[in-house]
Structure formats: structure tokens, C-alpha cells
N, C-alpha and C. Protein backbone atom coordinates (compact mmCIF):
# COMPACT_ATOMS: atom_id res chain seq x y z
N MET A 1 111.64 109.61 7.21
CA MET A 1 110.72 110.73 7.34
C MET A 1 111.49 112.05 7.46
N LYS A 2 112.58 112.00 8.21
CA LYS A 2 113.37 113.19 8.43
C LYS A 2 113.96 113.71 7.12
N GLU A 3 114.41 112.71 6.26
CA GLU A 3 115.00 113.10 4.99
C GLU A 3 113.97 113.76 4.09
N LYS A 4 112.73 113.27 4.11
CA LYS A 4 111.68 113.85 3.28
C LYS A 4 111.38 115.27 3.71
N ALA A 5 111.38 115.49 5.01
CA ALA A 5 111.11 116.84 5.52
C ALA A 5 112.19 117.80 5.08
N THR A 6 113.46 117.31 5.10
CA THR A 6 114.58 118.16 4.69
C THR A 6 114.48 118.51 3.22
N ALA A 7 114.14 117.51 2.41
CA ALA A 7 114.02 117.73 0.96
C ALA A 7 112.93 118.75 0.67
N SER A 8 111.83 118.66 1.41
CA SER A 8 110.72 119.58 1.19
C SER A 8 111.09 121.00 1.56
N SER A 9 111.85 121.16 2.67
CA SER A 9 112.20 122.50 3.15
C SER A 9 113.24 123.18 2.28
N THR A 10 113.99 122.37 1.50
CA THR A 10 115.05 122.96 0.67
C THR A 10 114.69 122.98 -0.81
N SER A 11 113.44 122.69 -1.12
CA SER A 11 113.04 122.68 -2.52
C SER A 11 113.11 124.08 -3.12
N GLU A 12 113.34 124.16 -4.43
CA GLU A 12 113.48 125.46 -5.09
C GLU A 12 112.14 126.18 -5.12
N PRO A 13 112.16 127.52 -4.98
CA PRO A 13 110.91 128.28 -5.05
C PRO A 13 110.30 128.17 -6.45
N VAL A 14 109.01 128.31 -6.52
CA VAL A 14 108.33 128.25 -7.81
C VAL A 14 108.76 129.45 -8.65
N ARG A 15 109.11 129.18 -9.89
CA ARG A 15 109.56 130.27 -10.77
C ARG A 15 108.38 131.14 -11.20
N ARG A 16 108.68 132.42 -11.45
CA ARG A 16 107.65 133.34 -11.91
C ARG A 16 107.25 132.99 -13.34
N GLY A 17 106.04 133.28 -13.67
CA GLY A 17 105.55 133.06 -15.02
C GLY A 17 106.10 134.12 -15.95
N ARG A 18 105.70 134.03 -17.20
CA ARG A 18 106.16 135.00 -18.19
C ARG A 18 105.49 136.35 -17.96
N GLY A 19 106.07 137.38 -18.59
CA GLY A 19 105.43 138.69 -18.54
C GLY A 19 105.97 139.61 -17.47
N ARG A 20 107.06 139.28 -16.85
CA ARG A 20 107.70 140.12 -15.83
C ARG A 20 106.71 140.68 -14.83
N PRO A 21 105.97 139.80 -14.09
CA PRO A 21 104.94 140.28 -13.18
C PRO A 21 105.44 141.17 -12.07
N ALA A 22 106.70 140.97 -11.62
CA ALA A 22 107.21 141.83 -10.54
C ALA A 22 107.26 143.28 -11.01
N GLN A 23 107.71 143.47 -12.25
CA GLN A 23 107.80 144.81 -12.78
C GLN A 23 106.41 145.34 -13.13
N GLN A 24 105.57 144.46 -13.69
CA GLN A 24 104.24 144.88 -14.10
C GLN A 24 103.40 145.34 -12.92
N ALA A 25 103.66 144.75 -11.75
CA ALA A 25 102.87 145.10 -10.56
C ALA A 25 103.00 146.58 -10.21
N SER A 26 104.13 147.19 -10.61
CA SER A 26 104.36 148.59 -10.27
C SER A 26 103.90 149.55 -11.38
N VAL A 27 103.41 149.00 -12.48
CA VAL A 27 102.95 149.82 -13.60
C VAL A 27 101.43 149.89 -13.57
N GLY A 28 100.92 151.01 -13.09
CA GLY A 28 99.48 151.17 -12.95
C GLY A 28 98.81 151.64 -14.23
N ARG A 29 97.50 151.73 -14.17
CA ARG A 29 96.69 152.12 -15.32
C ARG A 29 97.05 153.51 -15.82
N GLU A 30 97.26 154.46 -14.90
CA GLU A 30 97.59 155.83 -15.30
C GLU A 30 98.91 155.89 -16.06
N VAL A 31 99.89 155.12 -15.60
CA VAL A 31 101.20 155.11 -16.26
C VAL A 31 101.08 154.50 -17.65
N LEU A 32 100.31 153.42 -17.76
CA LEU A 32 100.10 152.78 -19.06
C LEU A 32 99.46 153.77 -20.05
N LEU A 33 98.49 154.54 -19.56
CA LEU A 33 97.81 155.50 -20.42
C LEU A 33 98.75 156.63 -20.84
N ARG A 34 99.61 157.07 -19.93
CA ARG A 34 100.57 158.12 -20.28
C ARG A 34 101.55 157.62 -21.34
N ASN A 35 102.00 156.39 -21.19
CA ASN A 35 102.91 155.82 -22.19
C ASN A 35 102.21 155.66 -23.53
N ALA A 36 100.95 155.24 -23.48
CA ALA A 36 100.18 155.11 -24.72
C ALA A 36 99.97 156.47 -25.37
N ARG A 37 99.69 157.48 -24.55
CA ARG A 37 99.49 158.84 -25.07
C ARG A 37 100.74 159.32 -25.80
N LYS A 38 101.89 159.07 -25.22
CA LYS A 38 103.14 159.50 -25.83
C LYS A 38 103.38 158.77 -27.15
N THR A 39 103.12 157.47 -27.18
CA THR A 39 103.36 156.68 -28.39
C THR A 39 102.37 157.03 -29.48
N PHE A 40 101.10 157.14 -29.13
CA PHE A 40 100.09 157.56 -30.11
C PHE A 40 100.42 158.95 -30.65
N GLY A 41 100.85 159.84 -29.77
CA GLY A 41 101.16 161.21 -30.17
C GLY A 41 102.35 161.27 -31.10
N THR A 42 103.32 160.40 -30.90
CA THR A 42 104.53 160.40 -31.72
C THR A 42 104.32 159.71 -33.06
N ARG A 43 103.59 158.58 -33.02
CA ARG A 43 103.50 157.75 -34.22
C ARG A 43 102.13 157.78 -34.90
N GLY A 44 101.10 158.22 -34.19
CA GLY A 44 99.76 158.17 -34.77
C GLY A 44 99.08 156.85 -34.49
N TYR A 45 97.79 156.83 -34.64
CA TYR A 45 97.00 155.64 -34.29
C TYR A 45 97.39 154.43 -35.15
N ASP A 46 97.37 154.57 -36.45
CA ASP A 46 97.59 153.42 -37.34
C ASP A 46 98.99 152.84 -37.21
N ALA A 47 99.98 153.69 -36.98
CA ALA A 47 101.37 153.23 -36.91
C ALA A 47 101.76 152.71 -35.53
N THR A 48 100.85 152.80 -34.58
CA THR A 48 101.14 152.36 -33.21
C THR A 48 100.52 150.99 -32.96
N SER A 49 101.28 150.10 -32.36
CA SER A 49 100.76 148.79 -31.99
C SER A 49 100.70 148.67 -30.47
N VAL A 50 99.82 147.81 -30.00
CA VAL A 50 99.71 147.55 -28.56
C VAL A 50 101.02 146.97 -28.05
N ARG A 51 101.65 146.14 -28.86
CA ARG A 51 102.93 145.54 -28.45
C ARG A 51 103.99 146.61 -28.23
N GLU A 52 103.97 147.63 -29.08
CA GLU A 52 104.95 148.71 -28.94
C GLU A 52 104.73 149.48 -27.65
N ILE A 53 103.47 149.76 -27.32
CA ILE A 53 103.15 150.46 -26.08
C ILE A 53 103.55 149.60 -24.88
N ALA A 54 103.29 148.30 -24.98
CA ALA A 54 103.67 147.38 -23.90
C ALA A 54 105.18 147.37 -23.71
N ARG A 55 105.92 147.34 -24.83
CA ARG A 55 107.38 147.34 -24.75
C ARG A 55 107.90 148.61 -24.10
N GLU A 56 107.32 149.76 -24.48
CA GLU A 56 107.72 151.03 -23.89
C GLU A 56 107.42 151.08 -22.39
N SER A 57 106.38 150.35 -21.99
CA SER A 57 105.96 150.34 -20.57
C SER A 57 106.65 149.25 -19.78
N GLY A 58 107.34 148.34 -20.47
CA GLY A 58 108.01 147.24 -19.80
C GLY A 58 107.06 146.19 -19.26
N VAL A 59 105.94 145.98 -19.97
CA VAL A 59 104.94 145.01 -19.53
C VAL A 59 104.59 144.08 -20.68
N ASP A 60 103.85 143.03 -20.34
CA ASP A 60 103.36 142.10 -21.34
C ASP A 60 102.13 142.70 -22.02
N PRO A 61 101.97 142.53 -23.33
CA PRO A 61 100.78 143.04 -24.02
C PRO A 61 99.47 142.56 -23.39
N ALA A 62 99.52 141.40 -22.75
CA ALA A 62 98.31 140.86 -22.12
C ALA A 62 97.79 141.79 -21.02
N LEU A 63 98.69 142.55 -20.37
CA LEU A 63 98.25 143.46 -19.32
C LEU A 63 97.43 144.60 -19.92
N LEU A 64 97.85 145.11 -21.07
CA LEU A 64 97.08 146.16 -21.74
C LEU A 64 95.73 145.62 -22.20
N ALA A 65 95.73 144.40 -22.70
CA ALA A 65 94.47 143.78 -23.12
C ALA A 65 93.54 143.61 -21.93
N HIS A 66 94.11 143.26 -20.79
CA HIS A 66 93.31 143.07 -19.57
C HIS A 66 92.67 144.38 -19.13
N HIS A 67 93.44 145.47 -19.17
CA HIS A 67 92.93 146.77 -18.72
C HIS A 67 91.99 147.43 -19.72
N PHE A 68 92.34 147.32 -21.02
CA PHE A 68 91.65 148.16 -22.00
C PHE A 68 90.99 147.40 -23.15
N GLY A 69 91.31 146.14 -23.33
CA GLY A 69 90.72 145.40 -24.43
C GLY A 69 91.44 145.70 -25.74
N SER A 70 90.74 146.33 -26.68
CA SER A 70 91.30 146.58 -28.01
C SER A 70 92.15 147.84 -28.05
N LYS A 71 92.87 148.01 -29.16
CA LYS A 71 93.68 149.22 -29.36
C LYS A 71 92.78 150.45 -29.40
N GLU A 72 91.63 150.34 -30.04
CA GLU A 72 90.72 151.47 -30.12
C GLU A 72 90.21 151.88 -28.74
N SER A 73 89.92 150.89 -27.90
CA SER A 73 89.48 151.19 -26.53
C SER A 73 90.60 151.84 -25.73
N LEU A 74 91.82 151.41 -25.98
CA LEU A 74 92.98 152.03 -25.32
C LEU A 74 93.11 153.49 -25.76
N TRP A 75 92.96 153.76 -27.05
CA TRP A 75 93.04 155.13 -27.55
C TRP A 75 91.95 156.00 -26.92
N GLU A 76 90.75 155.47 -26.84
CA GLU A 76 89.65 156.23 -26.22
C GLU A 76 89.92 156.48 -24.74
N ALA A 77 90.54 155.50 -24.07
CA ALA A 77 90.88 155.67 -22.66
C ALA A 77 91.92 156.77 -22.48
N VAL A 78 92.84 156.90 -23.45
CA VAL A 78 93.82 157.99 -23.42
C VAL A 78 93.10 159.33 -23.51
N VAL A 79 92.15 159.44 -24.42
CA VAL A 79 91.38 160.67 -24.56
C VAL A 79 90.65 160.99 -23.25
N GLU A 80 90.04 159.97 -22.65
CA GLU A 80 89.29 160.19 -21.40
C GLU A 80 90.22 160.60 -20.26
N GLN A 81 91.45 160.09 -20.26
CA GLN A 81 92.42 160.51 -19.25
C GLN A 81 92.75 162.00 -19.42
N ILE A 82 92.93 162.43 -20.66
CA ILE A 82 93.20 163.84 -20.93
C ILE A 82 92.02 164.69 -20.52
N VAL A 83 90.81 164.22 -20.83
CA VAL A 83 89.59 164.94 -20.44
C VAL A 83 89.54 165.14 -18.93
N ALA A 84 89.86 164.09 -18.19
CA ALA A 84 89.85 164.19 -16.72
C ALA A 84 90.88 165.19 -16.23
N HIS A 85 92.05 165.20 -16.84
CA HIS A 85 93.11 166.13 -16.44
C HIS A 85 92.75 167.57 -16.81
N ALA A 86 91.93 167.74 -17.85
CA ALA A 86 91.56 169.08 -18.29
C ALA A 86 90.40 169.67 -17.52
N GLN A 87 89.69 168.87 -16.75
CA GLN A 87 88.50 169.35 -16.05
C GLN A 87 88.76 170.56 -15.16
N PRO A 88 89.81 170.57 -14.33
CA PRO A 88 90.07 171.76 -13.50
C PRO A 88 90.32 173.01 -14.34
N MET A 89 91.02 172.87 -15.45
CA MET A 89 91.28 174.01 -16.34
C MET A 89 89.97 174.54 -16.93
N ILE A 90 89.11 173.63 -17.37
CA ILE A 90 87.84 174.03 -17.96
C ILE A 90 86.94 174.69 -16.92
N ALA A 91 86.91 174.12 -15.72
CA ALA A 91 86.09 174.70 -14.65
C ALA A 91 86.58 176.09 -14.27
N ALA A 92 87.89 176.26 -14.18
CA ALA A 92 88.46 177.57 -13.82
C ALA A 92 88.18 178.60 -14.91
N THR A 93 88.22 178.17 -16.17
CA THR A 93 87.93 179.08 -17.29
C THR A 93 86.46 179.46 -17.29
N ALA A 94 85.59 178.51 -17.04
CA ALA A 94 84.15 178.78 -17.00
C ALA A 94 83.82 179.77 -15.89
N ALA A 95 84.50 179.65 -14.75
CA ALA A 95 84.23 180.52 -13.61
C ALA A 95 84.63 181.97 -13.87
N LEU A 96 85.50 182.20 -14.84
CA LEU A 96 85.94 183.56 -15.14
C LEU A 96 84.80 184.46 -15.61
N ARG A 97 83.79 183.88 -16.21
CA ARG A 97 82.70 184.69 -16.75
C ARG A 97 81.91 185.38 -15.63
N ASP A 98 81.99 184.84 -14.44
CA ASP A 98 81.29 185.44 -13.29
C ASP A 98 82.25 186.17 -12.37
N SER A 99 83.51 186.33 -12.80
CA SER A 99 84.50 186.98 -11.95
C SER A 99 84.35 188.50 -12.02
N GLU A 100 85.05 189.20 -11.14
CA GLU A 100 85.01 190.66 -11.10
C GLU A 100 85.98 191.29 -12.08
N LEU A 101 86.75 190.47 -12.78
CA LEU A 101 87.70 190.99 -13.77
C LEU A 101 86.95 191.57 -14.95
N ASP A 102 87.58 192.54 -15.63
CA ASP A 102 86.94 193.05 -16.85
C ASP A 102 87.11 192.03 -17.97
N ALA A 103 86.44 192.29 -19.09
CA ALA A 103 86.37 191.30 -20.17
C ALA A 103 87.75 190.92 -20.71
N LYS A 104 88.62 191.89 -20.91
CA LYS A 104 89.96 191.60 -21.44
C LYS A 104 90.79 190.83 -20.41
N ALA A 105 90.69 191.22 -19.16
CA ALA A 105 91.45 190.54 -18.10
C ALA A 105 91.01 189.09 -17.95
N ARG A 106 89.72 188.82 -18.22
CA ARG A 106 89.23 187.44 -18.16
C ARG A 106 89.88 186.58 -19.24
N VAL A 107 90.00 187.15 -20.44
CA VAL A 107 90.65 186.42 -21.53
C VAL A 107 92.13 186.19 -21.20
N ASP A 108 92.79 187.22 -20.69
CA ASP A 108 94.21 187.09 -20.32
C ASP A 108 94.40 186.00 -19.27
N ARG A 109 93.52 185.99 -18.29
CA ARG A 109 93.62 184.98 -17.22
C ARG A 109 93.34 183.59 -17.79
N ALA A 110 92.40 183.49 -18.71
CA ALA A 110 92.11 182.20 -19.34
C ALA A 110 93.35 181.67 -20.06
N MET A 111 94.09 182.56 -20.71
CA MET A 111 95.30 182.15 -21.40
C MET A 111 96.38 181.68 -20.42
N GLU A 112 96.47 182.35 -19.30
CA GLU A 112 97.42 181.93 -18.27
C GLU A 112 97.10 180.51 -17.79
N ILE A 113 95.81 180.26 -17.55
CA ILE A 113 95.37 178.93 -17.10
C ILE A 113 95.69 177.88 -18.16
N TYR A 114 95.40 178.21 -19.41
CA TYR A 114 95.64 177.25 -20.50
C TYR A 114 97.13 176.96 -20.66
N ILE A 115 97.94 178.00 -20.65
CA ILE A 115 99.39 177.81 -20.84
C ILE A 115 99.99 177.03 -19.68
N ASP A 116 99.50 177.27 -18.46
CA ASP A 116 99.95 176.47 -17.32
C ASP A 116 99.72 174.98 -17.58
N LYS A 117 98.53 174.64 -18.09
CA LYS A 117 98.19 173.25 -18.35
C LYS A 117 99.05 172.67 -19.47
N VAL A 118 99.27 173.44 -20.52
CA VAL A 118 100.07 172.96 -21.65
C VAL A 118 101.50 172.65 -21.20
N PHE A 119 102.07 173.52 -20.37
CA PHE A 119 103.44 173.28 -19.89
C PHE A 119 103.49 172.16 -18.87
N GLU A 120 102.41 171.97 -18.15
CA GLU A 120 102.35 170.88 -17.17
C GLU A 120 102.39 169.53 -17.86
N GLU A 121 101.70 169.42 -19.01
CA GLU A 121 101.67 168.15 -19.73
C GLU A 121 101.80 168.42 -21.24
N PRO A 122 103.02 168.73 -21.68
CA PRO A 122 103.22 169.11 -23.08
C PRO A 122 102.92 168.01 -24.09
N ASP A 123 103.00 166.74 -23.67
CA ASP A 123 102.73 165.67 -24.63
C ASP A 123 101.25 165.58 -25.01
N ILE A 124 100.37 166.27 -24.24
CA ILE A 124 98.97 166.32 -24.64
C ILE A 124 98.84 167.05 -25.97
N GLY A 125 99.63 168.11 -26.14
CA GLY A 125 99.61 168.85 -27.39
C GLY A 125 100.06 167.98 -28.56
N LEU A 126 101.08 167.16 -28.33
CA LEU A 126 101.55 166.25 -29.37
C LEU A 126 100.46 165.24 -29.73
N PHE A 127 99.83 164.68 -28.71
CA PHE A 127 98.76 163.71 -28.95
C PHE A 127 97.63 164.36 -29.74
N PHE A 128 97.24 165.56 -29.33
CA PHE A 128 96.12 166.23 -29.98
C PHE A 128 96.42 166.54 -31.44
N SER A 129 97.62 167.05 -31.72
CA SER A 129 97.95 167.44 -33.09
C SER A 129 97.98 166.24 -34.01
N THR A 130 98.40 165.08 -33.48
CA THR A 130 98.40 163.86 -34.28
C THR A 130 96.99 163.29 -34.41
N ALA A 131 96.27 163.26 -33.29
CA ALA A 131 94.92 162.69 -33.30
C ALA A 131 93.96 163.52 -34.14
N ALA A 132 94.23 164.81 -34.28
CA ALA A 132 93.34 165.69 -35.05
C ALA A 132 93.36 165.36 -36.54
N THR A 133 94.31 164.53 -36.96
CA THR A 133 94.35 164.12 -38.37
C THR A 133 93.46 162.91 -38.62
N GLU A 134 92.85 162.38 -37.57
CA GLU A 134 91.96 161.23 -37.71
C GLU A 134 90.71 161.62 -38.50
N GLU A 135 89.99 160.62 -38.95
CA GLU A 135 88.73 160.83 -39.65
C GLU A 135 87.67 159.93 -39.05
N GLY A 136 86.42 160.28 -39.28
CA GLY A 136 85.33 159.41 -38.86
C GLY A 136 85.09 159.42 -37.37
N ALA A 137 84.81 158.24 -36.81
CA ALA A 137 84.37 158.11 -35.43
C ALA A 137 85.40 158.61 -34.43
N ARG A 138 86.69 158.35 -34.68
CA ARG A 138 87.71 158.79 -33.73
C ARG A 138 87.82 160.31 -33.70
N LEU A 139 87.71 160.95 -34.85
CA LEU A 139 87.74 162.41 -34.88
C LEU A 139 86.51 162.98 -34.17
N ASP A 140 85.36 162.41 -34.40
CA ASP A 140 84.13 162.86 -33.73
C ASP A 140 84.27 162.73 -32.21
N PHE A 141 84.86 161.62 -31.79
CA PHE A 141 85.06 161.37 -30.35
C PHE A 141 86.00 162.42 -29.77
N LEU A 142 87.07 162.72 -30.50
CA LEU A 142 88.06 163.71 -30.05
C LEU A 142 87.41 165.09 -29.93
N VAL A 143 86.62 165.46 -30.91
CA VAL A 143 85.97 166.77 -30.91
C VAL A 143 85.02 166.91 -29.73
N GLU A 144 84.17 165.90 -29.55
CA GLU A 144 83.14 165.99 -28.51
C GLU A 144 83.70 165.88 -27.10
N ARG A 145 84.74 165.09 -26.90
CA ARG A 145 85.27 164.86 -25.56
C ARG A 145 86.37 165.85 -25.19
N MET A 146 87.20 166.25 -26.16
CA MET A 146 88.34 167.10 -25.84
C MET A 146 88.16 168.57 -26.23
N VAL A 147 87.66 168.82 -27.44
CA VAL A 147 87.65 170.18 -27.97
C VAL A 147 86.42 170.97 -27.55
N ARG A 148 85.24 170.40 -27.74
CA ARG A 148 84.02 171.16 -27.50
C ARG A 148 83.88 171.67 -26.06
N PRO A 149 84.20 170.88 -25.04
CA PRO A 149 84.06 171.39 -23.67
C PRO A 149 84.88 172.66 -23.43
N TYR A 150 86.10 172.73 -23.98
CA TYR A 150 86.92 173.92 -23.80
C TYR A 150 86.41 175.06 -24.69
N TYR A 151 85.99 174.72 -25.90
CA TYR A 151 85.40 175.71 -26.80
C TYR A 151 84.22 176.40 -26.13
N ASN A 152 83.39 175.63 -25.45
CA ASN A 152 82.17 176.17 -24.83
C ASN A 152 82.43 177.14 -23.69
N VAL A 153 83.64 177.12 -23.11
CA VAL A 153 83.93 178.05 -22.01
C VAL A 153 84.85 179.19 -22.43
N LEU A 154 85.68 178.97 -23.45
CA LEU A 154 86.60 180.04 -23.86
C LEU A 154 85.98 181.00 -24.88
N VAL A 155 85.26 180.48 -25.86
CA VAL A 155 84.69 181.34 -26.89
C VAL A 155 83.75 182.41 -26.32
N PRO A 156 82.90 182.11 -25.33
CA PRO A 156 82.09 183.17 -24.74
C PRO A 156 82.91 184.31 -24.14
N LEU A 157 84.08 184.00 -23.58
CA LEU A 157 84.96 185.05 -23.05
C LEU A 157 85.49 185.92 -24.18
N LEU A 158 85.84 185.29 -25.29
CA LEU A 158 86.32 186.05 -26.45
C LEU A 158 85.21 186.93 -27.02
N ASP A 159 84.00 186.37 -27.08
CA ASP A 159 82.85 187.14 -27.59
C ASP A 159 82.54 188.34 -26.69
N ASP A 160 82.58 188.11 -25.38
CA ASP A 160 82.30 189.20 -24.43
C ASP A 160 83.30 190.33 -24.61
N ALA A 161 84.57 189.98 -24.73
CA ALA A 161 85.62 190.99 -24.88
C ALA A 161 85.46 191.74 -26.20
N ALA A 162 85.03 191.04 -27.24
CA ALA A 162 84.83 191.68 -28.54
C ALA A 162 83.65 192.64 -28.48
N LYS A 163 82.55 192.23 -27.86
CA LYS A 163 81.35 193.07 -27.77
C LYS A 163 81.60 194.34 -26.97
N GLN A 164 82.50 194.25 -25.99
CA GLN A 164 82.80 195.42 -25.17
C GLN A 164 83.94 196.27 -25.76
N GLY A 165 84.42 195.86 -26.91
CA GLY A 165 85.49 196.61 -27.56
C GLY A 165 86.84 196.45 -26.90
N ALA A 166 86.96 195.46 -26.03
CA ALA A 166 88.22 195.24 -25.31
C ALA A 166 89.18 194.36 -26.10
N LEU A 167 88.67 193.74 -27.16
CA LEU A 167 89.48 192.82 -27.95
C LEU A 167 89.01 192.89 -29.40
N LYS A 168 89.96 193.03 -30.32
CA LYS A 168 89.59 193.06 -31.73
C LYS A 168 89.49 191.63 -32.24
N VAL A 169 88.27 191.17 -32.37
CA VAL A 169 88.03 189.79 -32.79
C VAL A 169 87.14 189.80 -34.03
N LYS A 170 87.69 189.36 -35.15
CA LYS A 170 86.88 189.26 -36.37
C LYS A 170 86.03 188.00 -36.34
N ASP A 171 86.60 186.95 -35.76
CA ASP A 171 85.89 185.68 -35.71
C ASP A 171 86.37 184.93 -34.47
N ALA A 172 85.51 184.81 -33.48
CA ALA A 172 85.91 184.17 -32.21
C ALA A 172 86.27 182.70 -32.40
N ASP A 173 85.58 182.02 -33.32
CA ASP A 173 85.90 180.61 -33.58
C ASP A 173 87.33 180.48 -34.13
N MET A 174 87.67 181.35 -35.07
CA MET A 174 89.01 181.32 -35.64
C MET A 174 90.06 181.62 -34.58
N LEU A 175 89.80 182.62 -33.76
CA LEU A 175 90.75 182.97 -32.71
C LEU A 175 90.93 181.82 -31.73
N PHE A 176 89.85 181.12 -31.42
CA PHE A 176 89.93 179.97 -30.52
C PHE A 176 90.93 178.96 -31.04
N PHE A 177 90.83 178.60 -32.31
CA PHE A 177 91.71 177.57 -32.85
C PHE A 177 93.14 178.06 -33.05
N VAL A 178 93.30 179.34 -33.35
CA VAL A 178 94.65 179.91 -33.44
C VAL A 178 95.35 179.82 -32.08
N LEU A 179 94.63 180.18 -31.03
CA LEU A 179 95.20 180.13 -29.68
C LEU A 179 95.44 178.69 -29.24
N LEU A 180 94.43 177.84 -29.43
CA LEU A 180 94.52 176.44 -29.00
C LEU A 180 95.70 175.73 -29.65
N ASN A 181 95.77 175.82 -30.97
CA ASN A 181 96.81 175.10 -31.70
C ASN A 181 98.16 175.81 -31.64
N GLY A 182 98.13 177.13 -31.69
CA GLY A 182 99.39 177.86 -31.66
C GLY A 182 100.20 177.61 -30.41
N VAL A 183 99.54 177.67 -29.26
CA VAL A 183 100.25 177.46 -27.99
C VAL A 183 100.66 176.00 -27.83
N SER A 184 99.72 175.08 -28.04
CA SER A 184 100.02 173.67 -27.79
C SER A 184 101.11 173.14 -28.71
N LYS A 185 101.10 173.55 -29.97
CA LYS A 185 102.12 173.06 -30.90
C LYS A 185 103.47 173.73 -30.66
N THR A 186 103.47 174.99 -30.29
CA THR A 186 104.72 175.66 -29.97
C THR A 186 105.43 174.95 -28.83
N VAL A 187 104.67 174.57 -27.81
CA VAL A 187 105.24 173.89 -26.65
C VAL A 187 105.53 172.42 -26.96
N GLY A 188 104.58 171.74 -27.60
CA GLY A 188 104.75 170.32 -27.89
C GLY A 188 105.91 170.03 -28.83
N TYR A 189 106.16 170.95 -29.76
CA TYR A 189 107.24 170.77 -30.73
C TYR A 189 108.40 171.74 -30.45
N SER A 190 108.61 172.00 -29.18
CA SER A 190 109.66 172.95 -28.80
C SER A 190 111.06 172.49 -29.22
N HIS A 191 111.22 171.17 -29.44
CA HIS A 191 112.53 170.67 -29.87
C HIS A 191 112.92 171.23 -31.25
N LEU A 192 111.90 171.55 -32.07
CA LEU A 192 112.19 172.16 -33.37
C LEU A 192 112.71 173.59 -33.19
N MET A 193 112.17 174.25 -32.19
CA MET A 193 112.55 175.64 -31.95
C MET A 193 114.00 175.75 -31.50
N LEU A 194 114.54 174.67 -30.93
CA LEU A 194 115.92 174.69 -30.45
C LEU A 194 116.93 174.94 -31.57
N ALA A 195 116.52 174.68 -32.80
CA ALA A 195 117.41 174.95 -33.93
C ALA A 195 117.56 176.45 -34.18
N PHE A 196 116.66 177.25 -33.59
CA PHE A 196 116.65 178.69 -33.83
C PHE A 196 116.75 179.53 -32.56
N SER A 197 116.43 178.92 -31.41
CA SER A 197 116.40 179.69 -30.17
C SER A 197 116.74 178.77 -28.99
N THR A 198 117.35 179.35 -27.97
CA THR A 198 117.68 178.59 -26.77
C THR A 198 116.55 178.62 -25.74
N LEU A 199 115.46 179.33 -26.04
CA LEU A 199 114.38 179.48 -25.08
C LEU A 199 113.86 178.15 -24.52
N PRO A 200 113.60 177.14 -25.35
CA PRO A 200 113.06 175.89 -24.80
C PRO A 200 113.96 175.20 -23.77
N SER A 201 115.25 175.55 -23.76
CA SER A 201 116.16 174.94 -22.79
C SER A 201 116.05 175.58 -21.42
N ASN A 202 115.29 176.66 -21.33
CA ASN A 202 115.04 177.34 -20.06
C ASN A 202 113.53 177.35 -19.83
N PRO A 203 112.97 176.28 -19.23
CA PRO A 203 111.51 176.11 -19.13
C PRO A 203 110.77 177.31 -18.53
N LYS A 204 111.30 177.91 -17.47
CA LYS A 204 110.61 179.04 -16.85
C LYS A 204 110.55 180.24 -17.78
N LYS A 205 111.67 180.54 -18.41
CA LYS A 205 111.72 181.68 -19.33
C LYS A 205 110.87 181.40 -20.57
N PHE A 206 110.94 180.16 -21.04
CA PHE A 206 110.16 179.75 -22.21
C PHE A 206 108.66 179.92 -21.95
N LYS A 207 108.21 179.46 -20.80
CA LYS A 207 106.80 179.58 -20.44
C LYS A 207 106.39 181.05 -20.33
N ARG A 208 107.20 181.85 -19.70
CA ARG A 208 106.89 183.28 -19.54
C ARG A 208 106.82 183.96 -20.91
N THR A 209 107.71 183.59 -21.82
CA THR A 209 107.73 184.21 -23.14
C THR A 209 106.52 183.79 -23.98
N VAL A 210 106.13 182.52 -23.85
CA VAL A 210 104.93 182.05 -24.55
C VAL A 210 103.71 182.85 -24.08
N LEU A 211 103.61 183.03 -22.77
CA LEU A 211 102.47 183.79 -22.21
C LEU A 211 102.51 185.24 -22.67
N GLU A 212 103.67 185.87 -22.56
CA GLU A 212 103.79 187.28 -22.94
C GLU A 212 103.48 187.48 -24.42
N THR A 213 103.95 186.55 -25.25
CA THR A 213 103.69 186.66 -26.68
C THR A 213 102.21 186.48 -26.99
N THR A 214 101.58 185.53 -26.31
CA THR A 214 100.16 185.29 -26.53
C THR A 214 99.33 186.51 -26.11
N LEU A 215 99.65 187.07 -24.96
CA LEU A 215 98.91 188.25 -24.49
C LEU A 215 99.16 189.46 -25.38
N ALA A 216 100.37 189.57 -25.91
CA ALA A 216 100.68 190.67 -26.83
C ALA A 216 99.85 190.57 -28.11
N LEU A 217 99.65 189.34 -28.58
CA LEU A 217 98.84 189.12 -29.77
C LEU A 217 97.38 189.50 -29.53
N LEU A 218 96.96 189.38 -28.28
CA LEU A 218 95.57 189.71 -27.92
C LEU A 218 95.39 191.18 -27.56
N ALA A 219 96.47 191.91 -27.45
CA ALA A 219 96.39 193.32 -27.02
C ALA A 219 95.67 194.17 -28.05
């Protein structure tokens, strides 16, 4: 009996199953979505596989399937994560219309808020520029969830400034997309700019220059 007890107490621990569960336990849903956002943004929807995102995250593909189901559901979850992160920016921009600032100052402040967000999460710009090439249901989803909410709060500020003569705006819709894409792509693709300027290597100076240039264009 004594020998059996000894054998039991010295038996080898049960081995872990496949899928690196110890590492996976520390990879939460938000991290998985950020990794997916980066991969989708770099490669595009069609060229991205769930296995590739799993490999970049150091997890088993089954974990992504467990959290999100299909690749399309994962892509939509990435969009919804961006939407959630953009809510404070959209709310702050909407509140400007009731502020005591004049019409031009409201637009300037809106640009400051937007540029802060772009620099905070530059890969959102990469994701958006790639995702905007989609067609059909995914493009419709992107427009309604990501673009229209911000359009609905910024364009009225541009219109107000134009009506008061504080801003020369021929077409507020056009200006919206010039600002939206110009800033996000300049920051998201800053590595291209390094071939011509050292600004991107100095984040604080780069951000200040992007803001100053944007405001100068609106002057």
C-alpha cells in the first residue's frame, strides 16, 4: 500500500493540450481585435486569413473561432471596436456646436480632437484606407458604422463656418473627405514620408506639424 501511495504522489503532471493555453490565457478579446485590425489593414480582407491573425497573436485559430466565429464576423468586430474607440471623439465634436467658441474656432478644435485620435491609434487609418476599397455589404457596414456618425457631427460645423463667412467652403462634403483621408493617411503611412522628411521620427513635432498644416489649409 505504501508503494502505491508513493507512486501516485510522484506521478508526472498532466501535459497541457495543444494551442498554447498558458499563452492564450493572457491574450484577451481586445488584443485579438487589435492584431486583426493591423493585419486586415496591412493585407486587406481577402488576403488575410484567420490562421495568419492567430499566428500574429500567438494563439490557436480555434480561439478566434470561439470568440468571433467566421472571418467576416471578426472583421465586423474590428469595425465595432473602432466605433467604440471613436465614440468620445464624436461626442466631443458634437458638443462643439453648443460651445461658446466662434464658428471657425469650433472647426479648429474639431481638427485638434480628430488629430489627437489619429495619432493615438494610427493603425485605424491604415485599416480604414484598406477597408474603404471593399464593395457591397462590407462597404455599406463601414460607411454606416464608421463614417456616417463622424460625418453627421463634423459637416454641420463646416457648414456653420461657411455660412458665417469664417471658412471658405465650396463643398462641405468634399472638405470632410479631404480632411478625413488626408490626415489619417498622412499619419498611417508616415513611413513613406521618412524617405523625404525626418518629421515622422519625432512624434510630438510630427503631430504639431500635421495640426498646424491642417489649420493653415482651413485659414
